[in-house]
Protein backbone atom coordinates (compact mmCIF):
# COMPACT_ATOMS: atom_id res chain seq x y z
CA MET A 1 29.71 -11.97 -8.88
CA ALA A 2 27.56 -9.54 -6.89
CA PRO A 3 23.79 -10.09 -6.91
CA LYS A 4 21.73 -7.78 -9.12
CA TRP A 5 20.28 -5.86 -6.17
CA ARG A 6 23.80 -5.05 -4.95
CA ASP A 7 24.81 -3.69 -8.36
CA LEU A 8 21.72 -1.50 -8.42
CA ALA A 9 22.35 -0.25 -4.87
CA ASP A 10 26.00 0.53 -5.70
CA ARG A 11 24.99 2.56 -8.77
CA PHE A 12 22.59 4.69 -6.73
CA ALA A 13 25.16 5.00 -3.92
CA GLU A 14 27.74 6.36 -6.38
CA GLN A 15 25.23 8.90 -7.75
CA ILE A 16 24.45 10.06 -4.21
CA LYS A 17 28.09 10.34 -3.12
CA SER A 18 29.11 12.16 -6.31
CA GLY A 19 26.30 14.68 -5.95
CA GLN A 20 24.37 13.57 -9.03
CA LEU A 21 21.50 12.85 -6.66
CA SER A 22 21.30 15.77 -4.25
CA PRO A 23 19.89 15.70 -0.68
CA GLY A 24 16.11 15.55 -0.82
CA ALA A 25 16.05 14.10 -4.32
CA GLN A 26 13.48 11.36 -4.78
CA LEU A 27 14.55 8.01 -6.17
CA PRO A 28 12.33 6.37 -8.81
CA GLN A 29 9.37 4.34 -7.64
CA ILE A 30 10.05 0.59 -7.47
CA ARG A 31 7.47 0.03 -10.20
CA GLU A 32 9.30 2.44 -12.53
CA LEU A 33 12.59 0.58 -12.14
CA VAL A 34 10.94 -2.79 -12.69
CA GLU A 35 9.36 -1.47 -15.90
CA ALA A 36 12.76 -0.08 -16.96
CA GLY A 37 14.26 -3.58 -16.72
CA GLU A 38 16.37 -3.00 -13.61
CA GLY A 39 15.14 -6.20 -12.03
CA SER A 40 12.20 -7.69 -10.20
CA LYS A 41 10.22 -5.90 -7.50
CA GLU A 42 12.17 -7.92 -4.91
CA THR A 43 15.51 -6.91 -6.46
CA VAL A 44 14.72 -3.19 -6.39
CA HIS A 45 13.26 -3.45 -2.87
CA LYS A 46 16.49 -5.12 -1.62
CA ALA A 47 18.60 -2.41 -3.26
CA TYR A 48 16.60 0.36 -1.61
CA LYS A 49 16.76 -1.38 1.76
CA ALA A 50 20.55 -1.64 1.42
CA LEU A 51 20.81 2.10 0.69
CA GLU A 52 18.61 2.80 3.70
CA ALA A 53 20.75 0.60 5.95
CA GLU A 54 23.85 2.46 4.74
CA GLY A 55 22.30 5.77 5.78
CA LEU A 56 22.10 7.18 2.26
CA VAL A 57 18.32 7.37 1.86
CA THR A 58 15.14 7.34 3.91
CA SER A 59 11.95 5.59 2.93
CA THR A 60 8.61 6.63 4.36
CA ARG A 61 5.06 5.81 3.44
CA GLY A 62 3.56 8.57 1.34
CA HIS A 63 6.93 10.20 0.58
CA GLY A 64 8.79 7.39 -1.19
CA THR A 65 12.57 7.00 -1.03
CA VAL A 66 14.62 10.20 -0.83
CA VAL A 67 18.29 11.05 -0.45
CA ARG A 68 19.18 12.00 3.11
CA PRO A 69 20.44 15.49 3.93
CA ARG A 70 24.24 15.46 4.26
CA VAL A 71 24.40 18.12 6.94
CA ALA A 72 22.69 17.23 10.20
CA LEU A 73 20.77 19.84 12.13
CA LYS A 74 22.91 21.49 14.83
CA ARG A 75 21.65 20.66 18.29
CA LEU A 76 23.28 23.41 20.33
CA GLY A 77 24.42 22.92 23.90
CA ILE A 78 24.57 25.87 26.28
CA ALA A 79 23.82 28.46 23.59
CA ARG A 80 20.33 27.14 22.86
CA TYR A 81 19.23 28.15 26.37
CA ASP A 82 20.63 31.69 26.30
CA LYS A 83 18.18 33.79 28.34
CA ALA A 84 18.41 36.65 25.87
CA LYS A 85 16.88 34.38 23.22
CA TRP A 86 13.66 33.49 25.08
CA ARG A 87 13.39 36.13 27.82
CA ASP A 88 13.95 39.13 25.55
CA GLY A 89 12.92 37.55 22.24
CA ASP A 90 11.07 34.56 20.86
CA GLU A 91 13.89 32.17 19.99
CA VAL A 92 12.93 29.03 21.91
CA ALA A 93 15.39 26.13 21.96
CA PHE A 94 14.34 24.24 18.82
CA ILE A 95 14.22 27.52 16.89
CA ALA A 96 17.71 28.45 18.17
CA ASP A 97 18.97 25.18 16.66
CA ARG A 98 17.38 26.02 13.29
CA VAL A 99 18.78 29.55 13.27
CA ALA A 100 22.30 28.28 14.11
CA SER A 101 21.98 25.71 11.31
CA GLY A 102 20.79 28.26 8.77
CA ARG A 103 17.55 26.35 8.32
CA ALA A 104 14.01 27.61 7.92
CA TYR A 105 11.45 27.01 10.64
CA ASN A 106 7.79 27.40 11.48
CA ARG A 107 6.61 27.75 15.07
CA ASN A 108 3.82 25.26 14.42
CA GLU A 109 6.34 22.57 13.47
CA GLN A 110 6.11 21.81 17.17
CA THR A 111 2.85 20.11 18.11
CA GLN A 112 1.94 19.11 21.63
CA THR A 113 -0.44 17.44 23.99
CA VAL A 114 -0.79 18.34 27.67
CA SER A 115 -2.13 16.01 30.33
CA ARG A 116 -1.94 15.26 34.05
CA VAL A 117 -0.25 11.93 34.67
CA GLU A 118 1.10 9.92 37.59
CA ALA A 119 4.86 10.24 37.97
CA ASP A 120 6.68 6.98 37.28
CA ASP A 121 10.04 6.16 38.85
CA LEU A 122 12.04 8.19 36.31
CA VAL A 123 9.85 11.30 36.45
CA ALA A 124 9.48 11.15 40.22
CA GLU A 125 13.26 11.05 40.67
CA GLY A 126 13.74 13.83 38.12
CA LEU A 127 11.21 16.19 39.71
CA GLY A 128 11.93 15.15 43.29
CA VAL A 129 8.36 14.06 44.03
CA PRO A 130 6.92 10.76 45.34
CA VAL A 131 6.16 8.04 42.79
CA GLY A 132 2.51 8.28 41.76
CA SER A 133 2.28 12.04 42.34
CA GLU A 134 0.18 13.92 39.79
CA VAL A 135 2.33 16.01 37.45
CA TYR A 136 1.80 17.80 34.17
CA ALA A 137 3.25 16.18 31.03
CA ARG A 138 3.74 18.44 28.02
CA ALA A 139 4.59 16.17 25.08
CA ARG A 140 5.89 17.71 21.87
CA LEU A 141 6.67 16.30 18.44
CA VAL A 142 9.02 18.56 16.48
CA LYS A 143 9.33 18.37 12.69
CA GLU A 144 11.49 19.99 10.07
CA GLY A 145 9.03 20.40 7.24
CA VAL A 146 7.29 17.04 7.06
CA GLN A 147 10.11 15.05 8.68
CA PRO A 148 10.00 14.50 12.45
CA THR A 149 13.29 15.26 14.19
CA HIS A 150 12.56 14.50 17.83
CA THR A 151 10.05 14.26 20.62
CA LEU A 152 10.34 16.08 23.93
CA THR A 153 8.14 15.57 26.97
CA SER A 154 8.53 18.05 29.82
CA TYR A 155 7.17 17.25 33.27
CA TYR A 156 6.21 19.92 35.80
CA ARG A 157 4.85 20.11 39.32
CA PRO A 158 1.25 21.41 39.10
CA GLU A 159 1.89 24.20 41.62
CA HIS A 160 4.51 25.68 39.26
CA VAL A 161 2.44 25.77 36.06
CA GLU A 162 -1.28 25.52 36.88
CA GLY A 163 -3.20 28.16 34.93
CA THR A 164 -0.23 29.15 32.75
CA ARG A 165 0.31 28.85 28.99
CA ILE A 166 2.44 25.76 29.60
CA VAL A 167 -0.72 23.70 30.13
CA ASP A 168 -2.36 25.12 26.97
CA PRO A 169 -2.22 22.40 24.25
CA THR A 170 -2.22 24.90 21.34
CA PRO A 171 0.43 23.83 18.74
CA GLY A 172 3.73 25.68 18.83
CA PRO A 173 5.73 27.04 21.79
CA ALA A 174 3.86 28.20 24.90
CA GLY A 175 3.49 31.78 23.71
CA ARG A 176 6.30 34.26 23.13
CA GLY A 177 9.54 32.92 24.58
CA GLY A 178 8.10 29.45 25.22
CA GLY A 179 7.99 27.48 28.45
CA TYR A 180 11.03 29.05 30.07
CA ARG A 181 9.52 32.52 29.62
CA VAL A 182 6.31 31.25 31.27
CA LEU A 183 8.30 29.98 34.26
CA TYR A 184 10.23 33.26 34.40
CA ASP A 185 7.00 35.28 34.47
CA ALA A 186 5.69 32.99 37.23
CA GLY A 187 8.74 33.73 39.38
CA TYR A 188 10.75 30.62 38.54
CA GLU A 189 13.74 31.93 36.60
CA ILE A 190 15.89 29.08 35.35
CA ASP A 191 19.52 29.20 36.47
CA HIS A 192 21.23 25.92 35.62
CA MET A 193 20.45 22.51 34.19
CA ARG A 194 21.85 19.03 33.81
CA GLU A 195 21.60 16.99 30.62
CA ALA A 196 22.33 13.27 30.28
CA LEU A 197 22.50 11.54 26.90
CA PHE A 198 22.57 7.93 25.80
CA ALA A 199 21.94 6.04 22.56
CA ARG A 200 19.65 3.04 22.31
CA VAL A 201 17.55 0.97 19.95
CA PRO A 202 14.17 2.66 19.28
CA THR A 203 10.85 1.12 20.21
CA THR A 204 8.37 0.17 17.49
CA ASP A 205 6.27 3.24 18.32
CA GLU A 206 9.33 5.52 18.06
CA VAL A 207 10.26 4.07 14.67
CA GLN A 208 6.80 4.95 13.37
CA LEU A 209 6.54 8.34 15.07
CA LEU A 210 9.99 9.57 13.98
CA GLN A 211 9.84 7.77 10.61
CA LEU A 212 13.18 6.11 11.29
CA PRO A 213 15.01 4.07 8.65
CA ALA A 214 15.89 0.49 9.42
CA GLY A 215 18.71 0.13 11.94
CA GLU A 216 18.84 3.77 13.05
CA PRO A 217 19.30 4.33 16.80
CA VAL A 218 17.85 7.15 18.84
CA VAL A 219 19.56 9.45 21.32
CA GLU A 220 17.62 9.81 24.55
CA LEU A 221 18.04 13.04 26.49
CA HIS A 222 17.21 13.61 30.16
CA ARG A 223 17.15 17.31 31.11
CA THR A 224 16.70 18.64 34.63
CA THR A 225 16.20 22.40 35.00
CA TYR A 226 16.77 24.29 38.27
CA THR A 227 16.29 27.75 39.74
CA ALA A 228 19.21 29.45 41.48
CA GLU A 229 17.82 28.11 44.79
CA GLY A 230 17.99 24.55 43.50
CA THR A 231 14.26 24.05 42.87
CA VAL A 232 13.58 21.66 39.99
CA VAL A 233 11.08 23.38 37.68
CA GLU A 234 11.23 20.97 34.74
CA PHE A 235 12.31 17.41 34.02
CA ALA A 236 12.29 16.52 30.33
CA VAL A 237 12.82 13.39 28.26
CA GLY A 238 13.70 13.81 24.58
CA ILE A 239 13.98 11.15 21.88
CA HIS A 240 16.09 12.24 18.91
CA ALA A 241 16.66 10.55 15.54
CA ALA A 242 20.42 9.98 15.76
CA SER A 243 21.31 10.88 12.17
CA ARG A 244 19.29 14.11 12.11
CA PHE A 245 21.37 15.96 14.70
CA ALA A 246 24.96 16.99 15.28
CA TRP A 247 25.37 17.75 19.00
CA GLU A 248 27.46 20.84 19.53
CA TYR A 249 28.85 22.18 22.82
CA ASP A 250 30.84 25.33 23.53
CA PHE A 251 31.96 25.92 27.11
CA LYS A 252 34.71 27.36 29.27
CA VAL A 253 37.22 24.73 30.37
CA PRO A 254 37.22 24.51 34.20
CA ASP A 255 40.33 24.65 36.34
CA SER A 256 39.40 23.28 39.75
CA ALA A 257 42.94 23.81 41.11
CA GLN A 258 42.73 27.54 40.43
CA ASP A 259 39.24 27.66 41.92
CA LYS A 260 40.54 26.12 45.15
CA LYS A 261 43.39 28.65 45.32
CA GLY A 262 40.90 31.47 44.96
CA GLN A 263 38.91 30.14 47.91
CA GLU A 264 41.92 29.98 50.25
């Protein structure tokens, strides 16, 4: 016979999967269920923790326990960096993801701090500078409404960004078109980039900052951005809540054999 907390969790799980409880719906407070005779405080707490571990709900301080959105936010690949979006308009990368997902956005859902820091091994290798060199770190926390989705910290060589909007800590993107438009205006037009992704267990600080449910991993992104001449103008590290994104890539399939024939 299943314990009482399991029965309670299964009932809520069925309501969520059937659509009775829609994404964003708030589950009753633990106190309310105890008063309704659904079990002790410990029983209800165990049931909610089981639902959280199964990825059906999220629990955060101040917001209670709510049903998770079924459709993850699209995290575009190549298309999010389309020059026409930021050079000719104001659709910076995180906004491009929201537009492609049909989701609302507010520019100030991106907050940031800017500081000069010493490059550690990772940043030094990414930017191609000696370890300990002073670089600019532009750290952003991006939210969808009240829920954090990811952090992104971009590192720059001071000679590329000193005196530009990139080092202005005002919330939101760095002016119209964001950071890539700033680099473009400064004579550093981006041409190509490399992204590396890997999943890992979050740190305690990341769990708190991203309001992660128990057991959820994060996806760490390393992005290196180059000019056509091969100059690195940005190295970025992003930490993404794994369940809040669906990574989407659209690209032309290469044919190296044909390329070689064309060179002969």
